[in-house]
């Protein structure tokens, strides 16, 4: 009987955390990029849409191309990026297989 009570207490305490739609990863405006589609959308209805990502690649130091996210890389026609390609970075390679921004099938 005591184990049942402890189990019930744990479920009541931990259940609200399991109901979150996103475990995190939202920017200051409450927005993020959808991993599957690359679309930028918001979850917090604070009256505005937050800053939209740039639609073109940015230049990093030393003349290298920098893509802030895969949606921008795809829009520039650069996806899928391979390790060593201009614009490739580990932050875009979710599975660490050496290909970033690959299309999922």
PDB file of N, CA and C in Angstrom:
ATOM      1  N   UNK A   1       0.824  -1.197   0.000  1.00  0.00           N
ATOM      2  CA  UNK A   1       0.000   0.000   0.000  1.00  0.00           C
ATOM      3  C   UNK A   1       0.870   1.264   0.000  1.00  0.00           C
ATOM      4  N   UNK A   2       1.975   1.213   0.716  1.00  0.00           N
ATOM      5  CA  UNK A   2       2.857   2.376   0.786  1.00  0.00           C
ATOM      6  C   UNK A   2       3.496   2.671  -0.577  1.00  0.00           C
ATOM      7  N   UNK A   3       3.870   1.621  -1.304  1.00  0.00           N
ATOM      8  CA  UNK A   3       4.472   1.806  -2.626  1.00  0.00           C
ATOM      9  C   UNK A   3       3.462   2.435  -3.582  1.00  0.00           C
ATOM     10  N   UNK A   4       2.203   2.026  -3.474  1.00  0.00           N
ATOM     11  CA  UNK A   4       1.168   2.602  -4.327  1.00  0.00           C
ATOM     12  C   UNK A   4       1.013   4.094  -4.048  1.00  0.00           C
ATOM     13  N   UNK A   5       1.067   4.485  -2.795  1.00  0.00           N
ATOM     14  CA  UNK A   5       0.955   5.899  -2.434  1.00  0.00           C
ATOM     15  C   UNK A   5       2.125   6.718  -2.955  1.00  0.00           C
ATOM     16  N   UNK A   6       3.322   6.154  -2.848  1.00  0.00           N
ATOM     17  CA  UNK A   6       4.516   6.844  -3.351  1.00  0.00           C
ATOM     18  C   UNK A   6       4.446   6.970  -4.872  1.00  0.00           C
ATOM     19  N   UNK A   7       4.009   5.903  -5.532  1.00  0.00           N
ATOM     20  CA  UNK A   7       3.884   5.942  -6.991  1.00  0.00           C
ATOM     21  C   UNK A   7       2.876   6.991  -7.433  1.00  0.00           C
ATOM     22  N   UNK A   8       1.745   7.059  -6.746  1.00  0.00           N
ATOM     23  CA  UNK A   8       0.725   8.050  -7.076  1.00  0.00           C
ATOM     24  C   UNK A   8       1.257   9.469  -6.872  1.00  0.00           C
ATOM     25  N   UNK A   9       2.006   9.678  -5.803  1.00  0.00           N
ATOM     26  CA  UNK A   9       2.572  10.998  -5.543  1.00  0.00           C
ATOM     27  C   UNK A   9       3.564  11.393  -6.644  1.00  0.00           C
ATOM     28  N   UNK A  10       4.393  10.457  -7.087  1.00  0.00           N
ATOM     29  CA  UNK A  10       5.349  10.746  -8.159  1.00  0.00           C
ATOM     30  C   UNK A  10       4.639  11.072  -9.468  1.00  0.00           C
ATOM     31  N   UNK A  11       3.583  10.337  -9.783  1.00  0.00           N
ATOM     32  CA  UNK A  11       2.831  10.610 -11.006  1.00  0.00           C
ATOM     33  C   UNK A  11       2.219  12.002 -10.954  1.00  0.00           C
ATOM     34  N   UNK A  12       1.669  12.370  -9.815  1.00  0.00           N
ATOM     35  CA  UNK A  12       1.043  13.690  -9.682  1.00  0.00           C
ATOM     36  C   UNK A  12       2.061  14.819  -9.800  1.00  0.00           C
ATOM     37  N   UNK A  13       3.261  14.585  -9.314  1.00  0.00           N
ATOM     38  CA  UNK A  13       4.294  15.618  -9.364  1.00  0.00           C
ATOM     39  C   UNK A  13       4.909  15.717 -10.757  1.00  0.00           C
ATOM     40  N   UNK A  14       5.139  14.582 -11.420  1.00  0.00           N
ATOM     41  CA  UNK A  14       5.848  14.581 -12.695  1.00  0.00           C
ATOM     42  C   UNK A  14       4.941  14.698 -13.915  1.00  0.00           C
ATOM     43  N   UNK A  15       3.657  14.468 -13.794  1.00  0.00           N
ATOM     44  CA  UNK A  15       2.741  14.499 -14.942  1.00  0.00           C
ATOM     45  C   UNK A  15       2.707  15.852 -15.657  1.00  0.00           C
ATOM     46  N   UNK A  16       2.710  16.984 -14.953  1.00  0.00           N
ATOM     47  CA  UNK A  16       2.670  18.262 -15.684  1.00  0.00           C
ATOM     48  C   UNK A  16       3.879  18.486 -16.588  1.00  0.00           C
ATOM     49  N   UNK A  17       5.030  17.926 -16.242  1.00  0.00           N
ATOM     50  CA  UNK A  17       6.221  18.118 -17.061  1.00  0.00           C
ATOM     51  C   UNK A  17       6.145  17.317 -18.353  1.00  0.00           C
ATOM     52  N   UNK A  18       5.475  16.188 -18.344  1.00  0.00           N
ATOM     53  CA  UNK A  18       5.369  15.352 -19.536  1.00  0.00           C
ATOM     54  C   UNK A  18       4.387  15.930 -20.547  1.00  0.00           C
ATOM     55  N   UNK A  19       3.562  16.877 -20.160  1.00  0.00           N
ATOM     56  CA  UNK A  19       2.535  17.415 -21.051  1.00  0.00           C
ATOM     57  C   UNK A  19       3.028  18.580 -21.900  1.00  0.00           C
ATOM     58  N   UNK A  20       4.242  19.039 -21.709  1.00  0.00           N
ATOM     59  CA  UNK A  20       4.762  20.144 -22.513  1.00  0.00           C
ATOM     60  C   UNK A  20       4.922  19.717 -23.964  1.00  0.00           C
ATOM     61  N   UNK A  21       4.579  20.605 -24.889  1.00  0.00           N
ATOM     62  CA  UNK A  21       4.695  20.295 -26.312  1.00  0.00           C
ATOM     63  C   UNK A  21       6.148  20.329 -26.763  1.00  0.00           C
ATOM     64  N   UNK A  22       6.941  21.215 -26.197  1.00  0.00           N
ATOM     65  CA  UNK A  22       8.347  21.346 -26.555  1.00  0.00           C
ATOM     66  C   UNK A  22       9.176  21.332 -25.280  1.00  0.00           C
ATOM     67  N   UNK A  23      10.243  20.552 -25.274  1.00  0.00           N
ATOM     68  CA  UNK A  23      11.087  20.516 -24.091  1.00  0.00           C
ATOM     69  C   UNK A  23      11.971  21.746 -23.952  1.00  0.00           C
ATOM     70  N   UNK A  24      11.923  22.649 -24.879  1.00  0.00           N
ATOM     71  CA  UNK A  24      12.751  23.850 -24.834  1.00  0.00           C
ATOM     72  C   UNK A  24      13.121  24.257 -26.237  1.00  0.00           C
ATOM     73  N   UNK A  25      14.144  25.045 -26.361  1.00  0.00           N
ATOM     74  CA  UNK A  25      14.610  25.447 -27.667  1.00  0.00           C
ATOM     75  C   UNK A  25      13.893  26.647 -28.256  1.00  0.00           C
ATOM     76  N   UNK A  26      13.114  27.361 -27.452  1.00  0.00           N
ATOM     77  CA  UNK A  26      12.438  28.553 -27.944  1.00  0.00           C
ATOM     78  C   UNK A  26      13.346  29.756 -27.752  1.00  0.00           C
ATOM     79  N   UNK A  27      13.290  30.699 -28.687  1.00  0.00           N
ATOM     80  CA  UNK A  27      14.081  31.911 -28.528  1.00  0.00           C
ATOM     81  C   UNK A  27      13.364  32.881 -27.590  1.00  0.00           C
ATOM     82  N   UNK A  28      13.901  34.062 -27.425  1.00  0.00           N
ATOM     83  CA  UNK A  28      13.353  35.029 -26.467  1.00  0.00           C
ATOM     84  C   UNK A  28      11.920  35.424 -26.796  1.00  0.00           C
ATOM     85  N   UNK A  29      11.530  35.339 -28.059  1.00  0.00           N
ATOM     86  CA  UNK A  29      10.169  35.696 -28.460  1.00  0.00           C
ATOM     87  C   UNK A  29       9.213  34.513 -28.362  1.00  0.00           C
ATOM     88  N   UNK A  30       9.709  33.343 -27.937  1.00  0.00           N
ATOM     89  CA  UNK A  30       8.869  32.159 -27.832  1.00  0.00           C
ATOM     90  C   UNK A  30       8.696  31.436 -29.154  1.00  0.00           C
ATOM     91  N   UNK A  31       9.639  31.600 -30.065  1.00  0.00           N
ATOM     92  CA  UNK A  31       9.534  31.023 -31.402  1.00  0.00           C
ATOM     93  C   UNK A  31      10.679  30.046 -31.652  1.00  0.00           C
ATOM     94  N   UNK A  32      10.515  29.214 -32.679  1.00  0.00           N
ATOM     95  CA  UNK A  32      11.571  28.296 -33.080  1.00  0.00           C
ATOM     96  C   UNK A  32      11.326  27.823 -34.496  1.00  0.00           C
ATOM     97  N   UNK A  33      12.303  27.125 -35.066  1.00  0.00           N
ATOM     98  CA  UNK A  33      12.171  26.529 -36.394  1.00  0.00           C
ATOM     99  C   UNK A  33      11.722  25.085 -36.237  1.00  0.00           C
ATOM    100  N   UNK A  34      10.712  24.690 -37.001  1.00  0.00           N
ATOM    101  CA  UNK A  34      10.247  23.316 -37.003  1.00  0.00           C
ATOM    102  C   UNK A  34      11.323  22.454 -37.644  1.00  0.00           C
ATOM    103  N   UNK A  35      11.762  21.403 -36.970  1.00  0.00           N
ATOM    104  CA  UNK A  35      12.845  20.577 -37.494  1.00  0.00           C
ATOM    105  C   UNK A  35      12.472  19.857 -38.782  1.00  0.00           C
ATOM    106  N   UNK A  36      11.218  19.455 -38.912  1.00  0.00           N
ATOM    107  CA  UNK A  36      10.818  18.690 -40.090  1.00  0.00           C
ATOM    108  C   UNK A  36      10.615  19.567 -41.316  1.00  0.00           C
ATOM    109  N   UNK A  37      10.000  20.723 -41.135  1.00  0.00           N
ATOM    110  CA  UNK A  37       9.661  21.569 -42.281  1.00  0.00           C
ATOM    111  C   UNK A  37      10.565  22.780 -42.435  1.00  0.00           C
ATOM    112  N   UNK A  38      11.237  23.184 -41.366  1.00  0.00           N
ATOM    113  CA  UNK A  38      12.074  24.377 -41.412  1.00  0.00           C
ATOM    114  C   UNK A  38      11.296  25.667 -41.224  1.00  0.00           C
ATOM    115  N   UNK A  39       9.972  25.573 -41.040  1.00  0.00           N
ATOM    116  CA  UNK A  39       9.153  26.773 -40.846  1.00  0.00           C
ATOM    117  C   UNK A  39       9.409  27.386 -39.483  1.00  0.00           C
ATOM    118  N   UNK A  40       9.390  28.690 -39.421  1.00  0.00           N
ATOM    119  CA  UNK A  40       9.591  29.442 -38.190  1.00  0.00           C
ATOM    120  C   UNK A  40       8.218  29.786 -37.627  1.00  0.00           C
ATOM    121  N   UNK A  41       7.929  29.351 -36.383  1.00  0.00           N
ATOM    122  CA  UNK A  41       6.640  29.674 -35.789  1.00  0.00           C
ATOM    123  C   UNK A  41       6.787  29.923 -34.300  1.00  0.00           C
ATOM    124  N   UNK A  42       5.746  30.533 -33.722  1.00  0.00           N
ATOM    125  CA  UNK A  42       5.787  30.967 -32.331  1.00  0.00           C
ATOM    126  C   UNK A  42       4.719  30.260 -31.511  1.00  0.00           C
ATOM    127  N   UNK A  43       4.994  30.131 -30.225  1.00  0.00           N
ATOM    128  CA  UNK A  43       4.058  29.499 -29.303  1.00  0.00           C
ATOM    129  C   UNK A  43       3.497  30.472 -28.286  1.00  0.00           C
ATOM    130  N   UNK A  44       4.186  31.531 -28.018  1.00  0.00           N
ATOM    131  CA  UNK A  44       3.705  32.517 -27.048  1.00  0.00           C
ATOM    132  C   UNK A  44       2.960  33.606 -27.793  1.00  0.00           C
ATOM    133  N   UNK A  45       1.725  33.869 -27.402  1.00  0.00           N
ATOM    134  CA  UNK A  45       0.931  34.891 -28.065  1.00  0.00           C
ATOM    135  C   UNK A  45       1.139  36.251 -27.447  1.00  0.00           C
ATOM    136  N   UNK A  46       2.334  36.792 -27.536  1.00  0.00           N
ATOM    137  CA  UNK A  46       2.643  38.074 -26.905  1.00  0.00           C
ATOM    138  C   UNK A  46       2.419  39.245 -27.851  1.00  0.00           C
ATOM    139  N   UNK A  47       1.482  39.103 -28.775  1.00  0.00           N
ATOM    140  CA  UNK A  47       1.124  40.232 -29.615  1.00  0.00           C
ATOM    141  C   UNK A  47       1.933  40.380 -30.878  1.00  0.00           C
ATOM    142  N   UNK A  48       2.966  39.626 -31.057  1.00  0.00           N
ATOM    143  CA  UNK A  48       3.752  39.772 -32.264  1.00  0.00           C
ATOM    144  C   UNK A  48       4.441  38.489 -32.621  1.00  0.00           C
ATOM    145  N   UNK A  49       5.003  38.482 -33.745  1.00  0.00           N
ATOM    146  CA  UNK A  49       5.657  37.290 -34.209  1.00  0.00           C
ATOM    147  C   UNK A  49       7.128  37.342 -33.874  1.00  0.00           C
ATOM    148  N   UNK A  50       7.787  37.880 -33.207  1.00  0.00           N
ATOM    149  CA  UNK A  50       9.208  37.777 -32.963  1.00  0.00           C
ATOM    150  C   UNK A  50      10.028  38.011 -34.221  1.00  0.00           C
ATOM    151  N   UNK A  51      11.292  38.109 -34.083  1.00  0.00           N
ATOM    152  CA  UNK A  51      12.132  38.393 -35.235  1.00  0.00           C
ATOM    153  C   UNK A  51      12.182  37.212 -36.196  1.00  0.00           C
ATOM    154  N   UNK A  52      11.918  37.468 -37.451  1.00  0.00           N
ATOM    155  CA  UNK A  52      11.968  36.412 -38.458  1.00  0.00           C
ATOM    156  C   UNK A  52      13.418  36.179 -38.868  1.00  0.00           C
ATOM    157  N   UNK A  53      13.761  34.937 -39.189  1.00  0.00           N
ATOM    158  CA  UNK A  53      15.128  34.683 -39.614  1.00  0.00           C
ATOM    159  C   UNK A  53      15.407  35.313 -40.975  1.00  0.00           C
ATOM    160  N   UNK A  54      16.642  35.609 -41.219  1.00  0.00           N
ATOM    161  CA  UNK A  54      17.036  36.210 -42.488  1.00  0.00           C
ATOM    162  C   UNK A  54      16.794  35.227 -43.625  1.00  0.00           C
ATOM    163  N   UNK A  55      16.408  35.716 -44.776  1.00  0.00           N
ATOM    164  CA  UNK A  55      16.136  34.834 -45.909  1.00  0.00           C
ATOM    165  C   UNK A  55      17.366  34.619 -46.781  1.00  0.00           C
ATOM    166  N   UNK A  56      18.487  35.135 -46.371  1.00  0.00           N
ATOM    167  CA  UNK A  56      19.703  34.926 -47.146  1.00  0.00           C
ATOM    168  C   UNK A  56      20.844  34.579 -46.197  1.00  0.00           C
ATOM    169  N   UNK A  57      21.844  33.878 -46.690  1.00  0.00           N
ATOM    170  CA  UNK A  57      22.957  33.513 -45.821  1.00  0.00           C
ATOM    171  C   UNK A  57      23.744  34.739 -45.393  1.00  0.00           C
ATOM    172  N   UNK A  58      24.343  34.633 -44.241  1.00  0.00           N
ATOM    173  CA  UNK A  58      25.168  35.716 -43.730  1.00  0.00           C
ATOM    174  C   UNK A  58      26.627  35.349 -43.927  1.00  0.00           C
ATOM    175  N   UNK A  59      27.455  36.334 -44.008  1.00  0.00           N
ATOM    176  CA  UNK A  59      28.886  36.089 -44.144  1.00  0.00           C
ATOM    177  C   UNK A  59      29.528  36.000 -42.767  1.00  0.00           C
ATOM    178  N   UNK A  60      30.279  34.940 -42.554  1.00  0.00           N
ATOM    179  CA  UNK A  60      31.020  34.783 -41.311  1.00  0.00           C
ATOM    180  C   UNK A  60      32.404  35.399 -41.499  1.00  0.00           C
ATOM    181  N   UNK A  61      33.226  35.292 -40.496  1.00  0.00           N
ATOM    182  CA  UNK A  61      34.586  35.810 -40.585  1.00  0.00           C
ATOM    183  C   UNK A  61      35.371  35.066 -41.655  1.00  0.00           C
ATOM    184  N   UNK A  62      36.332  35.696 -42.207  1.00  0.00           N
ATOM    185  CA  UNK A  62      37.235  35.142 -43.218  1.00  0.00           C
ATOM    186  C   UNK A  62      36.505  34.768 -44.501  1.00  0.00           C
ATOM    187  N   UNK A  63      35.355  35.399 -44.791  1.00  0.00           N
ATOM    188  CA  UNK A  63      34.671  35.176 -46.049  1.00  0.00           C
ATOM    189  C   UNK A  63      33.901  33.875 -46.164  1.00  0.00           C
ATOM    190  N   UNK A  64      33.729  33.139 -45.081  1.00  0.00           N
ATOM    191  CA  UNK A  64      32.986  31.886 -45.136  1.00  0.00           C
ATOM    192  C   UNK A  64      31.486  32.159 -45.078  1.00  0.00           C
ATOM    193  N   UNK A  65      30.702  31.287 -45.694  1.00  0.00           N
ATOM    194  CA  UNK A  65      29.254  31.425 -45.670  1.00  0.00           C
ATOM    195  C   UNK A  65      28.711  30.857 -44.370  1.00  0.00           C
ATOM    196  N   UNK A  66      27.753  31.550 -43.781  1.00  0.00           N
ATOM    197  CA  UNK A  66      27.118  31.108 -42.537  1.00  0.00           C
ATOM    198  C   UNK A  66      25.613  31.059 -42.753  1.00  0.00           C
ATOM    199  N   UNK A  67      25.000  29.914 -42.498  1.00  0.00           N
ATOM    200  CA  UNK A  67      23.551  29.771 -42.554  1.00  0.00           C
ATOM    201  C   UNK A  67      23.031  29.669 -41.127  1.00  0.00           C
ATOM    202  N   UNK A  68      22.170  30.586 -40.705  1.00  0.00           N
ATOM    203  CA  UNK A  68      21.666  30.533 -39.334  1.00  0.00           C
ATOM    204  C   UNK A  68      20.794  29.309 -39.077  1.00  0.00           C
ATOM    205  N   UNK A  69      20.141  28.786 -40.110  1.00  0.00           N
ATOM    206  CA  UNK A  69      19.335  27.577 -39.954  1.00  0.00           C
ATOM    207  C   UNK A  69      19.180  26.909 -41.318  1.00  0.00           C
ATOM    208  N   UNK A  70      18.602  25.716 -41.307  1.00  0.00           N
ATOM    209  CA  UNK A  70      18.471  24.943 -42.540  1.00  0.00           C
ATOM    210  C   UNK A  70      17.486  25.563 -43.522  1.00  0.00           C
ATOM    211  N   UNK A  71      16.487  26.276 -43.032  1.00  0.00           N
ATOM    212  CA  UNK A  71      15.528  26.913 -43.940  1.00  0.00           C
ATOM    213  C   UNK A  71      16.240  27.927 -44.832  1.00  0.00           C
ATOM    214  N   UNK A  72      17.174  28.656 -44.267  1.00  0.00           N
ATOM    215  CA  UNK A  72      17.934  29.639 -45.045  1.00  0.00           C
ATOM    216  C   UNK A  72      18.866  28.927 -46.024  1.00  0.00           C
ATOM    217  N   UNK A  73      19.485  27.832 -45.590  1.00  0.00           N
ATOM    218  CA  UNK A  73      20.362  27.073 -46.484  1.00  0.00           C
ATOM    219  C   UNK A  73      19.572  26.498 -47.655  1.00  0.00           C
ATOM    220  N   UNK A  74      18.367  25.981 -47.376  1.00  0.00           N
ATOM    221  CA  UNK A  74      17.531  25.437 -48.455  1.00  0.00           C
ATOM    222  C   UNK A  74      17.086  26.539 -49.412  1.00  0.00           C
ATOM    223  N   UNK A  75      16.716  27.696 -48.857  1.00  0.00           N
ATOM    224  CA  UNK A  75      16.277  28.814 -49.699  1.00  0.00           C
ATOM    225  C   UNK A  75      17.404  29.289 -50.611  1.00  0.00           C
ATOM    226  N   UNK A  76      18.643  29.164 -50.142  1.00  0.00           N
ATOM    227  CA  UNK A  76      19.795  29.563 -50.947  1.00  0.00           C
ATOM    228  C   UNK A  76      20.220  28.463 -51.917  1.00  0.00           C
ATOM    229  N   UNK A  77      19.545  27.301 -51.847  1.00  0.00           N
ATOM    230  CA  UNK A  77      19.875  26.184 -52.725  1.00  0.00           C
ATOM    231  C   UNK A  77      21.114  25.430 -52.308  1.00  0.00           C
ATOM    232  N   UNK A  78      21.529  25.572 -51.055  1.00  0.00           N
ATOM    233  CA  UNK A  78      22.764  24.954 -50.597  1.00  0.00           C
ATOM    234  C   UNK A  78      22.558  23.631 -49.871  1.00  0.00           C
ATOM    235  N   UNK A  79      21.342  23.238 -49.551  1.00  0.00           N
ATOM    236  CA  UNK A  79      21.122  21.989 -48.814  1.00  0.00           C
ATOM    237  C   UNK A  79      21.198  20.824 -49.791  1.00  0.00           C
ATOM    238  N   UNK A  80      21.662  19.726 -49.423  1.00  0.00           N
ATOM    239  CA  UNK A  80      22.240  19.298 -48.166  1.00  0.00           C
ATOM    240  C   UNK A  80      23.739  19.598 -48.146  1.00  0.00           C
ATOM    241  N   UNK A  81      24.168  20.107 -47.019  1.00  0.00           N
ATOM    242  CA  UNK A  81      25.568  20.487 -46.852  1.00  0.00           C
ATOM    243  C   UNK A  81      26.361  19.302 -46.322  1.00  0.00           C
ATOM    244  N   UNK A  82      27.544  19.109 -46.845  1.00  0.00           N
ATOM    245  CA  UNK A  82      28.422  18.050 -46.344  1.00  0.00           C
ATOM    246  C   UNK A  82      29.551  18.670 -45.546  1.00  0.00           C
ATOM    247  N   UNK A  83      30.085  17.895 -44.627  1.00  0.00           N
ATOM    248  CA  UNK A  83      31.196  18.365 -43.809  1.00  0.00           C
ATOM    249  C   UNK A  83      32.319  18.841 -44.733  1.00  0.00           C
ATOM    250  N   UNK A  84      32.779  20.057 -44.532  1.00  0.00           N
ATOM    251  CA  UNK A  84      33.809  20.658 -45.375  1.00  0.00           C
ATOM    252  C   UNK A  84      33.261  21.634 -46.402  1.00  0.00           C
ATOM    253  N   UNK A  85      31.957  21.559 -46.696  1.00  0.00           N
ATOM    254  CA  UNK A  85      31.338  22.511 -47.624  1.00  0.00           C
ATOM    255  C   UNK A  85      31.231  23.885 -46.977  1.00  0.00           C
ATOM    256  N   UNK A  86      31.265  24.961 -47.784  1.00  0.00           N
ATOM    257  CA  UNK A  86      31.039  26.293 -47.219  1.00  0.00           C
ATOM    258  C   UNK A  86      29.644  26.366 -46.596  1.00  0.00           C
ATOM    259  N   UNK A  87      29.563  26.844 -45.382  1.00  0.00           N
ATOM    260  CA  UNK A  87      28.290  26.968 -44.684  1.00  0.00           C
ATOM    261  C   UNK A  87      27.969  25.811 -43.767  1.00  0.00           C
ATOM    262  N   UNK A  88      28.699  24.678 -43.905  1.00  0.00           N
ATOM    263  CA  UNK A  88      28.454  23.547 -43.006  1.00  0.00           C
ATOM    264  C   UNK A  88      28.922  23.894 -41.606  1.00  0.00           C
ATOM    265  N   UNK A  89      28.145  23.507 -40.624  1.00  0.00           N
ATOM    266  CA  UNK A  89      28.575  23.596 -39.224  1.00  0.00           C
ATOM    267  C   UNK A  89      27.841  22.519 -38.448  1.00  0.00           C
ATOM    268  N   UNK A  90      28.424  22.114 -37.347  1.00  0.00           N
ATOM    269  CA  UNK A  90      27.873  21.013 -36.551  1.00  0.00           C
ATOM    270  C   UNK A  90      26.472  21.322 -36.035  1.00  0.00           C
ATOM    271  N   UNK A  91      26.157  22.590 -35.809  1.00  0.00           N
ATOM    272  CA  UNK A  91      24.836  22.955 -35.308  1.00  0.00           C
ATOM    273  C   UNK A  91      23.714  22.656 -36.288  1.00  0.00           C
ATOM    274  N   UNK A  92      24.025  22.508 -37.559  1.00  0.00           N
ATOM    275  CA  UNK A  92      23.014  22.180 -38.560  1.00  0.00           C
ATOM    276  C   UNK A  92      22.912  20.678 -38.809  1.00  0.00           C
ATOM    277  N   UNK A  93      23.897  19.925 -38.354  1.00  0.00           N
ATOM    278  CA  UNK A  93      23.944  18.472 -38.566  1.00  0.00           C
ATOM    279  C   UNK A  93      23.382  17.778 -37.332  1.00  0.00           C
ATOM    280  N   UNK A  94      22.078  17.523 -37.327  1.00  0.00           N
ATOM    281  CA  UNK A  94      21.410  16.983 -36.139  1.00  0.00           C
ATOM    282  C   UNK A  94      21.880  15.587 -35.772  1.00  0.00           C
ATOM    283  N   UNK A  95      22.151  14.727 -36.750  1.00  0.00           N
ATOM    284  CA  UNK A  95      22.522  13.351 -36.442  1.00  0.00           C
ATOM    285  C   UNK A  95      24.026  13.115 -36.466  1.00  0.00           C
ATOM    286  N   UNK A  96      24.811  14.141 -36.753  1.00  0.00           N
ATOM    287  CA  UNK A  96      26.275  14.085 -36.768  1.00  0.00           C
ATOM    288  C   UNK A  96      26.810  13.027 -37.737  1.00  0.00           C
ATOM    289  N   UNK A  97      26.164  12.895 -38.905  1.00  0.00           N
ATOM    290  CA  UNK A  97      26.625  11.961 -39.926  1.00  0.00           C
ATOM    291  C   UNK A  97      27.416  12.657 -41.025  1.00  0.00           C
ATOM    292  N   UNK A  98      27.663  13.934 -40.875  1.00  0.00           N
ATOM    293  CA  UNK A  98      28.441  14.653 -41.868  1.00  0.00           C
ATOM    294  C   UNK A  98      27.616  15.317 -42.951  1.00  0.00           C
ATOM    295  N   UNK A  99      26.295  15.240 -42.856  1.00  0.00           N
ATOM    296  CA  UNK A  99      25.396  15.923 -43.802  1.00  0.00           C
ATOM    297  C   UNK A  99      24.431  16.774 -43.007  1.00  0.00           C
ATOM    298  N   UNK A 100      24.434  18.055 -43.290  1.00  0.00           N
ATOM    299  CA  UNK A 100      23.539  18.981 -42.594  1.00  0.00           C
ATOM    300  C   UNK A 100      22.404  19.376 -43.524  1.00  0.00           C
ATOM    301  N   UNK A 101      21.256  19.617 -42.948  1.00  0.00           N
ATOM    302  CA  UNK A 101      20.076  20.114 -43.674  1.00  0.00           C
ATOM    303  C   UNK A 101      19.605  19.157 -44.758  1.00  0.00           C
ATOM    304  N   UNK A 102      19.796  17.862 -44.551  1.00  0.00           N
ATOM    305  CA  UNK A 102      19.296  16.918 -45.541  1.00  0.00           C
ATOM    306  C   UNK A 102      17.776  16.824 -45.422  1.00  0.00           C
ATOM    307  N   UNK A 103      17.147  16.538 -46.529  1.00  0.00           N
ATOM    308  CA  UNK A 103      15.688  16.423 -46.545  1.00  0.00           C
ATOM    309  C   UNK A 103      15.300  15.068 -45.967  1.00  0.00           C
ATOM    310  N   UNK A 104      14.315  15.061 -45.077  1.00  0.00           N
ATOM    311  CA  UNK A 104      13.847  13.792 -44.521  1.00  0.00           C
ATOM    312  C   UNK A 104      12.798  13.201 -45.451  1.00  0.00           C
ATOM    313  N   UNK A 105      12.779  11.912 -45.530  1.00  0.00           N
ATOM    314  CA  UNK A 105      11.828  11.240 -46.429  1.00  0.00           C
ATOM    315  C   UNK A 105      10.783  10.515 -45.657  1.00  0.00           C
TER     316      UNK A 105
END
